[in-house]
Amino acid sequence: MIRRKFTVNHSITGSYSFFIHHLPHFFRLIYGPLIGWVVTKVMAEIMLHRYNIQINSSYIIPLFTSAFAIVWYRQFLLGTQFASYRLLLKKGFSDQPFDWNRLWRTGVRIIAISMALLVPTLIISISMMLYYQSKGIFISEHTIQELAIKSTFVVMLIFSPIFVRLSLYTAGFALGRTSLSFMDIWRRTRGYTVTLWWVALRGFLPLSIYSYIITQLLEKLAGRISAHYIISTIFIETLAGFLTFMMLAVVVAANAEAFRVLVGVRSDDRSHKDTTHPSSHKKSRTL
């Protein structure tokens, strides 16, 4: 198999360039998810302030970010005509009839990945709890939550080299490549673990730090001027959501470039010969 050279600088530079040159499409695709993000956050605040009911919006927000990531993959790899939420809802991008076997296999994969993360996280959390108890430290509910967060971070960091390689599976899913398996992705990304890890880090880190600093400053500012909680939530979450989608656009484009080079956009793309910009694939819908 002949591969084109894939480098961190080329991938990150290309992803930012693609983002800048496709700003109208970016705003078109974040319009709905951003509204959903803000409405979800506002409703959570209303339920907390008025009815003292705490809703964990972290289970809902990923639906909006995942939907955007999928269509942005399509925007980068196939072009505008194949990047829409209506197409996602109507055909699921695969253009194939519903298959219970495929649904079952997907469910098994999700459970397997979840268990692979859950078991080490529990082991680390329990070990830390036992260590705290041996030191005479009281284990409160807040302490347990902190241990869970720390354990999850450690597990994610340990398994990150694996995740960055298997993350290309998302691009295959976005293209409707149902025949593409985790093992196919694993084989084709062999030798690129460090490169893909640096691509993910350089894509996420700068914008995530910037987003964190800005949102923290805005929260402090809203507290000082005593703004109504609904107004402050709308303002802060709109900016936080926008920066998050911007970060996703950069990372997804970098990841999609890795998929285009290492795997190939089309199912019959085996030679990986040099091609033009991803927009040249607008009419090559062989999913």
C-alpha atoms as a PDB file:
ATOM      1  CA  MET A   1       0.000   0.000   0.000  1.00  0.00           C
ATOM      2  CA  ILE A   2       1.436   3.385  -1.002  1.00  0.00           C
ATOM      3  CA  ARG A   3       0.764   6.143   1.491  1.00  0.00           C
ATOM      4  CA  ARG A   4       1.161   9.848   1.151  1.00  0.00           C
ATOM      5  CA  LYS A   5       3.145  11.509   3.900  1.00  0.00           C
ATOM      6  CA  PHE A   6       1.027  12.586   6.851  1.00  0.00           C
ATOM      7  CA  THR A   7       2.512  15.150   9.227  1.00  0.00           C
ATOM      8  CA  VAL A   8       1.259  17.084  12.237  1.00  0.00           C
ATOM      9  CA  ASN A   9       1.999  20.549  10.790  1.00  0.00           C
ATOM     10  CA  HIS A  10       0.345  19.765   7.468  1.00  0.00           C
ATOM     11  CA  SER A  11      -2.754  18.411   9.188  1.00  0.00           C
ATOM     12  CA  ILE A  12      -3.204  21.274  11.680  1.00  0.00           C
ATOM     13  CA  THR A  13      -2.398  23.999   9.142  1.00  0.00           C
ATOM     14  CA  GLY A  14      -4.798  22.450   6.660  1.00  0.00           C
ATOM     15  CA  SER A  15      -7.583  22.181   9.237  1.00  0.00           C
ATOM     16  CA  TYR A  16      -7.327  25.876  10.185  1.00  0.00           C
ATOM     17  CA  SER A  17      -7.163  26.853   6.516  1.00  0.00           C
ATOM     18  CA  PHE A  18     -10.251  24.770   5.756  1.00  0.00           C
ATOM     19  CA  PHE A  19     -12.094  26.349   8.675  1.00  0.00           C
ATOM     20  CA  ILE A  20     -11.282  29.902   7.574  1.00  0.00           C
ATOM     21  CA  HIS A  21     -12.272  29.251   3.955  1.00  0.00           C
ATOM     22  CA  HIS A  22     -15.527  27.556   4.957  1.00  0.00           C
ATOM     23  CA  LEU A  23     -16.836  29.945   7.616  1.00  0.00           C
ATOM     24  CA  PRO A  24     -20.290  30.285   5.950  1.00  0.00           C
ATOM     25  CA  HIS A  25     -20.729  26.513   6.132  1.00  0.00           C
ATOM     26  CA  PHE A  26     -19.477  26.488   9.718  1.00  0.00           C
ATOM     27  CA  PHE A  27     -22.111  29.005  10.796  1.00  0.00           C
ATOM     28  CA  ARG A  28     -24.758  27.119   8.830  1.00  0.00           C
ATOM     29  CA  LEU A  29     -23.951  23.869  10.612  1.00  0.00           C
ATOM     30  CA  ILE A  30     -23.590  25.220  14.169  1.00  0.00           C
ATOM     31  CA  TYR A  31     -26.816  27.239  14.028  1.00  0.00           C
ATOM     32  CA  GLY A  32     -29.104  24.432  15.207  1.00  0.00           C
ATOM     33  CA  PRO A  33     -26.714  22.666  17.628  1.00  0.00           C
ATOM     34  CA  LEU A  34     -25.710  25.973  19.248  1.00  0.00           C
ATOM     35  CA  ILE A  35     -29.336  26.879  19.893  1.00  0.00           C
ATOM     36  CA  GLY A  36     -29.903  23.409  21.323  1.00  0.00           C
ATOM     37  CA  TRP A  37     -26.823  23.827  23.537  1.00  0.00           C
ATOM     38  CA  VAL A  38     -27.968  27.194  24.949  1.00  0.00           C
ATOM     39  CA  VAL A  39     -31.601  26.115  25.428  1.00  0.00           C
ATOM     40  CA  THR A  40     -30.468  23.003  27.303  1.00  0.00           C
ATOM     41  CA  LYS A  41     -28.239  25.047  29.620  1.00  0.00           C
ATOM     42  CA  VAL A  42     -30.937  27.666  30.224  1.00  0.00           C
ATOM     43  CA  MET A  43     -33.574  25.033  31.014  1.00  0.00           C
ATOM     44  CA  ALA A  44     -31.178  23.350  33.452  1.00  0.00           C
ATOM     45  CA  GLU A  45     -30.656  26.681  35.245  1.00  0.00           C
ATOM     46  CA  ILE A  46     -34.411  27.385  35.340  1.00  0.00           C
ATOM     47  CA  MET A  47     -35.143  23.952  36.828  1.00  0.00           C
ATOM     48  CA  LEU A  48     -32.429  24.500  39.445  1.00  0.00           C
ATOM     49  CA  HIS A  49     -33.406  28.046  40.449  1.00  0.00           C
ATOM     50  CA  ARG A  50     -37.198  27.682  40.335  1.00  0.00           C
ATOM     51  CA  TYR A  51     -37.819  24.064  41.289  1.00  0.00           C
ATOM     52  CA  ASN A  52     -34.527  23.055  42.955  1.00  0.00           C
ATOM     53  CA  ILE A  53     -34.196  20.197  40.461  1.00  0.00           C
ATOM     54  CA  GLN A  54     -30.666  19.555  39.244  1.00  0.00           C
ATOM     55  CA  ILE A  55     -30.386  18.332  35.657  1.00  0.00           C
ATOM     56  CA  ASN A  56     -27.036  17.092  34.402  1.00  0.00           C
ATOM     57  CA  SER A  57     -26.842  18.662  30.952  1.00  0.00           C
ATOM     58  CA  SER A  58     -23.553  16.873  30.258  1.00  0.00           C
ATOM     59  CA  TYR A  59     -25.605  13.898  29.038  1.00  0.00           C
ATOM     60  CA  ILE A  60     -27.462  16.035  26.488  1.00  0.00           C
ATOM     61  CA  ILE A  61     -24.769  18.385  25.131  1.00  0.00           C
ATOM     62  CA  PRO A  62     -22.761  15.550  23.480  1.00  0.00           C
ATOM     63  CA  LEU A  63     -25.743  14.919  21.185  1.00  0.00           C
ATOM     64  CA  PHE A  64     -25.265  18.373  19.653  1.00  0.00           C
ATOM     65  CA  THR A  65     -21.477  18.206  19.460  1.00  0.00           C
ATOM     66  CA  SER A  66     -21.526  14.689  17.978  1.00  0.00           C
ATOM     67  CA  ALA A  67     -24.049  15.677  15.316  1.00  0.00           C
ATOM     68  CA  PHE A  68     -21.902  18.642  14.320  1.00  0.00           C
ATOM     69  CA  ALA A  69     -18.733  16.526  14.254  1.00  0.00           C
ATOM     70  CA  ILE A  70     -20.345  14.013  11.898  1.00  0.00           C
ATOM     71  CA  VAL A  71     -21.603  16.595   9.405  1.00  0.00           C
ATOM     72  CA  TRP A  72     -18.289  18.491   9.539  1.00  0.00           C
ATOM     73  CA  TYR A  73     -16.528  15.261   8.608  1.00  0.00           C
ATOM     74  CA  ARG A  74     -18.874  15.116   5.616  1.00  0.00           C
ATOM     75  CA  GLN A  75     -18.199  18.760   4.797  1.00  0.00           C
ATOM     76  CA  PHE A  76     -14.451  18.167   4.726  1.00  0.00           C
ATOM     77  CA  LEU A  77     -14.370  14.804   2.977  1.00  0.00           C
ATOM     78  CA  LEU A  78     -17.343  14.948   0.585  1.00  0.00           C
ATOM     79  CA  GLY A  79     -18.469  18.548   0.238  1.00  0.00           C
ATOM     80  CA  THR A  80     -21.422  20.764   1.067  1.00  0.00           C
ATOM     81  CA  GLN A  81     -24.131  18.796  -0.714  1.00  0.00           C
ATOM     82  CA  PHE A  82     -23.595  15.815   1.587  1.00  0.00           C
ATOM     83  CA  ALA A  83     -23.235  17.792   4.838  1.00  0.00           C
ATOM     84  CA  SER A  84     -26.666  18.372   6.343  1.00  0.00           C
ATOM     85  CA  TYR A  85     -28.602  17.288   9.412  1.00  0.00           C
ATOM     86  CA  ARG A  86     -31.627  16.470   7.295  1.00  0.00           C
ATOM     87  CA  LEU A  87     -29.580  13.872   5.458  1.00  0.00           C
ATOM     88  CA  LEU A  88     -28.380  12.517   8.809  1.00  0.00           C
ATOM     89  CA  LEU A  89     -31.940  12.107  10.094  1.00  0.00           C
ATOM     90  CA  LYS A  90     -33.345  10.816   6.823  1.00  0.00           C
ATOM     91  CA  LYS A  91     -30.768   8.257   5.721  1.00  0.00           C
ATOM     92  CA  GLY A  92     -28.188   8.031   8.460  1.00  0.00           C
ATOM     93  CA  PHE A  93     -25.507   8.673   5.787  1.00  0.00           C
ATOM     94  CA  SER A  94     -25.278   4.992   4.838  1.00  0.00           C
ATOM     95  CA  ASP A  95     -28.034   4.897   2.195  1.00  0.00           C
ATOM     96  CA  GLN A  96     -28.748   1.354   3.359  1.00  0.00           C
ATOM     97  CA  PRO A  97     -31.918  -0.164   4.862  1.00  0.00           C
ATOM     98  CA  PHE A  98     -32.164  -0.654   8.598  1.00  0.00           C
ATOM     99  CA  ASP A  99     -30.233  -3.708   9.723  1.00  0.00           C
ATOM    100  CA  TRP A 100     -30.738  -5.262  13.178  1.00  0.00           C
ATOM    101  CA  ASN A 101     -27.435  -7.112  12.930  1.00  0.00           C
ATOM    102  CA  ARG A 102     -25.536  -3.877  12.297  1.00  0.00           C
ATOM    103  CA  LEU A 103     -27.374  -2.253  15.222  1.00  0.00           C
ATOM    104  CA  TRP A 104     -26.474  -5.215  17.448  1.00  0.00           C
ATOM    105  CA  ARG A 105     -22.802  -5.063  16.466  1.00  0.00           C
ATOM    106  CA  THR A 106     -22.723  -1.329  17.151  1.00  0.00           C
ATOM    107  CA  GLY A 107     -24.279  -1.868  20.575  1.00  0.00           C
ATOM    108  CA  VAL A 108     -21.756  -4.578  21.432  1.00  0.00           C
ATOM    109  CA  ARG A 109     -18.881  -2.289  20.418  1.00  0.00           C
ATOM    110  CA  ILE A 110     -20.203   0.541  22.580  1.00  0.00           C
ATOM    111  CA  ILE A 111     -20.605  -1.785  25.584  1.00  0.00           C
ATOM    112  CA  ALA A 112     -17.146  -3.283  25.059  1.00  0.00           C
ATOM    113  CA  ILE A 113     -15.481   0.145  24.880  1.00  0.00           C
ATOM    114  CA  SER A 114     -17.446   1.369  27.911  1.00  0.00           C
ATOM    115  CA  MET A 115     -16.424  -1.662  29.963  1.00  0.00           C
ATOM    116  CA  ALA A 116     -12.805  -1.303  28.848  1.00  0.00           C
ATOM    117  CA  LEU A 117     -12.860   2.208  30.319  1.00  0.00           C
ATOM    118  CA  LEU A 118     -15.080   1.535  33.303  1.00  0.00           C
ATOM    119  CA  VAL A 119     -13.140  -1.361  34.813  1.00  0.00           C
ATOM    120  CA  PRO A 120      -9.744   0.450  35.041  1.00  0.00           C
ATOM    121  CA  THR A 121     -11.512   3.591  36.293  1.00  0.00           C
ATOM    122  CA  LEU A 122     -13.208   1.651  39.087  1.00  0.00           C
ATOM    123  CA  ILE A 123      -9.961  -0.090  40.016  1.00  0.00           C
ATOM    124  CA  ILE A 124      -8.099   3.220  40.267  1.00  0.00           C
ATOM    125  CA  SER A 125     -10.967   4.906  42.155  1.00  0.00           C
ATOM    126  CA  ILE A 126     -11.279   2.079  44.694  1.00  0.00           C
ATOM    127  CA  SER A 127      -7.506   1.955  45.162  1.00  0.00           C
ATOM    128  CA  MET A 128      -7.419   5.706  45.865  1.00  0.00           C
ATOM    129  CA  MET A 129     -10.350   5.410  48.283  1.00  0.00           C
ATOM    130  CA  LEU A 130      -8.582   2.626  50.192  1.00  0.00           C
ATOM    131  CA  TYR A 131      -5.427   4.728  50.312  1.00  0.00           C
ATOM    132  CA  TYR A 132      -7.349   7.730  51.662  1.00  0.00           C
ATOM    133  CA  GLN A 133      -9.022   5.567  54.303  1.00  0.00           C
ATOM    134  CA  SER A 134      -5.672   4.126  55.375  1.00  0.00           C
ATOM    135  CA  LYS A 135      -4.541   7.710  56.000  1.00  0.00           C
ATOM    136  CA  GLY A 136      -7.625   8.438  58.067  1.00  0.00           C
ATOM    137  CA  ILE A 137      -9.166  10.799  55.489  1.00  0.00           C
ATOM    138  CA  PHE A 138     -12.961  10.975  55.577  1.00  0.00           C
ATOM    139  CA  ILE A 139     -14.547   9.853  52.281  1.00  0.00           C
ATOM    140  CA  SER A 140     -17.446  12.163  51.502  1.00  0.00           C
ATOM    141  CA  GLU A 141     -19.667  12.259  48.424  1.00  0.00           C
ATOM    142  CA  HIS A 142     -17.666  15.203  47.123  1.00  0.00           C
ATOM    143  CA  THR A 143     -14.425  13.260  47.599  1.00  0.00           C
ATOM    144  CA  ILE A 144     -15.844  10.305  45.674  1.00  0.00           C
ATOM    145  CA  GLN A 145     -16.795  12.596  42.782  1.00  0.00           C
ATOM    146  CA  GLU A 146     -13.302  14.091  42.724  1.00  0.00           C
ATOM    147  CA  LEU A 147     -11.726  10.623  42.747  1.00  0.00           C
ATOM    148  CA  ALA A 148     -13.967   9.562  39.867  1.00  0.00           C
ATOM    149  CA  ILE A 149     -12.927  12.596  37.815  1.00  0.00           C
ATOM    150  CA  LYS A 150      -9.239  12.050  38.531  1.00  0.00           C
ATOM    151  CA  SER A 151      -9.477   8.331  37.768  1.00  0.00           C
ATOM    152  CA  THR A 152     -11.283   8.989  34.491  1.00  0.00           C
ATOM    153  CA  PHE A 153      -8.612  11.480  33.470  1.00  0.00           C
ATOM    154  CA  VAL A 154      -5.828   9.000  34.247  1.00  0.00           C
ATOM    155  CA  VAL A 155      -7.546   6.202  32.283  1.00  0.00           C
ATOM    156  CA  MET A 156      -8.229   8.483  29.319  1.00  0.00           C
ATOM    157  CA  LEU A 157      -4.594   9.593  29.325  1.00  0.00           C
ATOM    158  CA  ILE A 158      -3.321   6.015  29.475  1.00  0.00           C
ATOM    159  CA  PHE A 159      -5.574   4.842  26.668  1.00  0.00           C
ATOM    160  CA  SER A 160      -5.217   8.013  24.562  1.00  0.00           C
ATOM    161  CA  PRO A 161      -2.721   6.427  22.102  1.00  0.00           C
ATOM    162  CA  ILE A 162      -5.346   3.802  21.328  1.00  0.00           C
ATOM    163  CA  PHE A 163      -8.202   6.290  21.150  1.00  0.00           C
ATOM    164  CA  VAL A 164      -6.466   8.601  18.676  1.00  0.00           C
ATOM    165  CA  ARG A 165      -6.030   5.720  16.242  1.00  0.00           C
ATOM    166  CA  LEU A 166      -9.549   4.368  16.625  1.00  0.00           C
ATOM    167  CA  SER A 167     -10.992   7.909  16.422  1.00  0.00           C
ATOM    168  CA  LEU A 168     -10.675   7.637  12.649  1.00  0.00           C
ATOM    169  CA  TYR A 169     -13.533   5.156  12.841  1.00  0.00           C
ATOM    170  CA  THR A 170     -15.808   8.158  13.388  1.00  0.00           C
ATOM    171  CA  ALA A 171     -14.873   9.487   9.960  1.00  0.00           C
ATOM    172  CA  GLY A 172     -15.720   6.117   8.422  1.00  0.00           C
ATOM    173  CA  PHE A 173     -19.056   6.175  10.247  1.00  0.00           C
ATOM    174  CA  ALA A 174     -19.759   9.693   8.954  1.00  0.00           C
ATOM    175  CA  LEU A 175     -19.096   8.488   5.406  1.00  0.00           C
ATOM    176  CA  GLY A 176     -21.370   5.499   5.812  1.00  0.00           C
ATOM    177  CA  ARG A 177     -18.494   3.029   5.500  1.00  0.00           C
ATOM    178  CA  THR A 178     -20.334   0.242   7.333  1.00  0.00           C
ATOM    179  CA  SER A 179     -17.837  -2.391   6.208  1.00  0.00           C
ATOM    180  CA  LEU A 180     -14.946  -0.538   7.842  1.00  0.00           C
ATOM    181  CA  SER A 181     -14.088  -2.136  11.186  1.00  0.00           C
ATOM    182  CA  PHE A 182     -11.929  -1.145  14.136  1.00  0.00           C
ATOM    183  CA  MET A 183      -9.343  -3.688  12.992  1.00  0.00           C
ATOM    184  CA  ASP A 184      -9.181  -2.046   9.538  1.00  0.00           C
ATOM    185  CA  ILE A 185      -8.532   1.326  11.174  1.00  0.00           C
ATOM    186  CA  TRP A 186      -5.975  -0.222  13.519  1.00  0.00           C
ATOM    187  CA  ARG A 187      -4.012  -1.787  10.646  1.00  0.00           C
ATOM    188  CA  ARG A 188      -4.010   1.319   8.479  1.00  0.00           C
ATOM    189  CA  THR A 189      -2.872   3.642  11.279  1.00  0.00           C
ATOM    190  CA  ARG A 190       0.054   1.443  12.298  1.00  0.00           C
ATOM    191  CA  GLY A 191       3.149   3.589  12.776  1.00  0.00           C
ATOM    192  CA  TYR A 192       1.165   6.821  13.159  1.00  0.00           C
ATOM    193  CA  THR A 193       0.222   6.648  16.844  1.00  0.00           C
ATOM    194  CA  VAL A 194       2.489   9.508  17.965  1.00  0.00           C
ATOM    195  CA  THR A 195       1.602  11.659  14.958  1.00  0.00           C
ATOM    196  CA  LEU A 196      -2.141  11.250  15.512  1.00  0.00           C
ATOM    197  CA  TRP A 197      -1.698  11.917  19.247  1.00  0.00           C
ATOM    198  CA  TRP A 198       0.103  15.204  18.549  1.00  0.00           C
ATOM    199  CA  VAL A 199      -2.539  16.183  15.992  1.00  0.00           C
ATOM    200  CA  ALA A 200      -5.281  15.713  18.594  1.00  0.00           C
ATOM    201  CA  LEU A 201      -3.295  17.561  21.271  1.00  0.00           C
ATOM    202  CA  ARG A 202      -2.419  20.518  19.050  1.00  0.00           C
ATOM    203  CA  GLY A 203      -5.997  20.721  17.841  1.00  0.00           C
ATOM    204  CA  PHE A 204      -7.671  20.593  21.249  1.00  0.00           C
ATOM    205  CA  LEU A 205      -5.241  22.268  23.631  1.00  0.00           C
ATOM    206  CA  PRO A 206      -4.925  25.888  22.386  1.00  0.00           C
ATOM    207  CA  LEU A 207      -8.635  26.506  21.848  1.00  0.00           C
ATOM    208  CA  SER A 208      -9.706  24.580  24.956  1.00  0.00           C
ATOM    209  CA  ILE A 209      -7.413  26.709  27.149  1.00  0.00           C
ATOM    210  CA  TYR A 210      -8.661  29.873  25.466  1.00  0.00           C
ATOM    211  CA  SER A 211     -12.281  28.758  25.896  1.00  0.00           C
ATOM    212  CA  TYR A 212     -11.746  27.954  29.580  1.00  0.00           C
ATOM    213  CA  ILE A 213     -10.131  31.329  30.319  1.00  0.00           C
ATOM    214  CA  ILE A 214     -12.807  33.323  28.478  1.00  0.00           C
ATOM    215  CA  THR A 215     -15.751  31.515  30.077  1.00  0.00           C
ATOM    216  CA  GLN A 216     -14.227  31.853  33.560  1.00  0.00           C
ATOM    217  CA  LEU A 217     -13.747  35.585  33.048  1.00  0.00           C
ATOM    218  CA  LEU A 218     -17.309  35.976  31.798  1.00  0.00           C
ATOM    219  CA  GLU A 219     -18.727  34.064  34.760  1.00  0.00           C
ATOM    220  CA  LYS A 220     -16.858  36.340  37.176  1.00  0.00           C
ATOM    221  CA  LEU A 221     -17.988  39.417  35.255  1.00  0.00           C
ATOM    222  CA  ALA A 222     -21.624  38.264  35.296  1.00  0.00           C
ATOM    223  CA  GLY A 223     -21.385  37.738  39.058  1.00  0.00           C
ATOM    224  CA  ARG A 224     -19.986  41.216  39.668  1.00  0.00           C
ATOM    225  CA  ILE A 225     -22.608  43.054  37.630  1.00  0.00           C
ATOM    226  CA  SER A 226     -25.404  40.930  39.191  1.00  0.00           C
ATOM    227  CA  ALA A 227     -26.878  39.956  35.850  1.00  0.00           C
ATOM    228  CA  HIS A 228     -30.041  37.833  35.800  1.00  0.00           C
ATOM    229  CA  TYR A 229     -29.097  34.151  35.732  1.00  0.00           C
ATOM    230  CA  ILE A 230     -30.966  33.536  32.456  1.00  0.00           C
ATOM    231  CA  ILE A 231     -29.242  36.435  30.682  1.00  0.00           C
ATOM    232  CA  SER A 232     -25.825  35.494  32.003  1.00  0.00           C
ATOM    233  CA  THR A 233     -26.374  31.831  31.071  1.00  0.00           C
ATOM    234  CA  ILE A 234     -27.391  32.728  27.517  1.00  0.00           C
ATOM    235  CA  PHE A 235     -24.378  35.011  27.086  1.00  0.00           C
ATOM    236  CA  ILE A 236     -21.792  32.667  28.622  1.00  0.00           C
ATOM    237  CA  GLU A 237     -23.084  29.453  27.064  1.00  0.00           C
ATOM    238  CA  THR A 238     -23.400  31.014  23.616  1.00  0.00           C
ATOM    239  CA  LEU A 239     -19.730  31.932  23.693  1.00  0.00           C
ATOM    240  CA  ALA A 240     -18.706  28.621  25.290  1.00  0.00           C
ATOM    241  CA  GLY A 241     -20.701  26.673  22.713  1.00  0.00           C
ATOM    242  CA  PHE A 242     -19.289  28.683  19.815  1.00  0.00           C
ATOM    243  CA  LEU A 243     -15.700  28.135  20.968  1.00  0.00           C
ATOM    244  CA  THR A 244     -16.377  24.436  21.493  1.00  0.00           C
ATOM    245  CA  PHE A 245     -17.782  24.012  17.982  1.00  0.00           C
ATOM    246  CA  MET A 246     -14.857  25.977  16.608  1.00  0.00           C
ATOM    247  CA  MET A 247     -12.443  23.663  18.397  1.00  0.00           C
ATOM    248  CA  LEU A 248     -14.348  20.643  17.098  1.00  0.00           C
ATOM    249  CA  ALA A 249     -14.208  21.985  13.545  1.00  0.00           C
ATOM    250  CA  VAL A 250     -10.411  22.229  13.714  1.00  0.00           C
ATOM    251  CA  VAL A 251      -9.898  18.826  15.349  1.00  0.00           C
ATOM    252  CA  VAL A 252     -12.403  17.047  13.101  1.00  0.00           C
ATOM    253  CA  ALA A 253     -10.830  18.509   9.963  1.00  0.00           C
ATOM    254  CA  ALA A 254      -7.372  17.402  11.122  1.00  0.00           C
ATOM    255  CA  ASN A 255      -8.728  13.945  11.895  1.00  0.00           C
ATOM    256  CA  ALA A 256     -10.538  13.809   8.562  1.00  0.00           C
ATOM    257  CA  GLU A 257      -7.296  14.641   6.758  1.00  0.00           C
ATOM    258  CA  ALA A 258      -5.648  11.733   8.566  1.00  0.00           C
ATOM    259  CA  PHE A 259      -8.504   9.493   7.448  1.00  0.00           C
ATOM    260  CA  ARG A 260      -8.231  10.730   3.858  1.00  0.00           C
ATOM    261  CA  VAL A 261      -4.498  10.009   3.738  1.00  0.00           C
ATOM    262  CA  LEU A 262      -4.243   6.807   5.773  1.00  0.00           C
ATOM    263  CA  VAL A 263      -7.551   5.114   4.974  1.00  0.00           C
ATOM    264  CA  GLY A 264      -9.093   6.770   1.919  1.00  0.00           C
ATOM    265  CA  VAL A 265     -12.428   8.501   1.385  1.00  0.00           C
ATOM    266  CA  ARG A 266     -13.898   5.864  -0.899  1.00  0.00           C
ATOM    267  CA  SER A 267     -14.283   2.182  -0.155  1.00  0.00           C
ATOM    268  CA  ASP A 268     -12.262   1.300  -3.263  1.00  0.00           C
ATOM    269  CA  ASP A 269      -9.506   3.823  -2.500  1.00  0.00           C
ATOM    270  CA  ARG A 270      -6.513   1.535  -1.984  1.00  0.00           C
ATOM    271  CA  SER A 271      -3.643   3.256  -3.756  1.00  0.00           C
ATOM    272  CA  HIS A 272      -3.987   6.551  -1.825  1.00  0.00           C
ATOM    273  CA  LYS A 273      -2.512   8.498  -4.694  1.00  0.00           C
ATOM    274  CA  ASP A 274      -2.266  12.230  -4.303  1.00  0.00           C
ATOM    275  CA  THR A 275      -5.542  14.024  -4.888  1.00  0.00           C
ATOM    276  CA  THR A 276      -6.767  17.578  -4.836  1.00  0.00           C
ATOM    277  CA  HIS A 277      -8.470  19.341  -1.956  1.00  0.00           C
ATOM    278  CA  PRO A 278     -11.295  17.405  -0.257  1.00  0.00           C
ATOM    279  CA  SER A 279     -13.822  19.503  -2.152  1.00  0.00           C
ATOM    280  CA  SER A 280     -12.881  17.546  -5.232  1.00  0.00           C
ATOM    281  CA  HIS A 281     -14.761  14.600  -3.715  1.00  0.00           C
ATOM    282  CA  LYS A 282     -18.100  16.360  -3.884  1.00  0.00           C
ATOM    283  CA  LYS A 283     -19.322  14.152  -6.670  1.00  0.00           C
ATOM    284  CA  SER A 284     -17.653  10.924  -5.600  1.00  0.00           C
ATOM    285  CA  ARG A 285     -20.332   9.548  -3.333  1.00  0.00           C
ATOM    286  CA  THR A 286     -19.260   5.932  -3.107  1.00  0.00           C
ATOM    287  CA  LEU A 287     -19.993   5.184   0.506  1.00  0.00           C
END
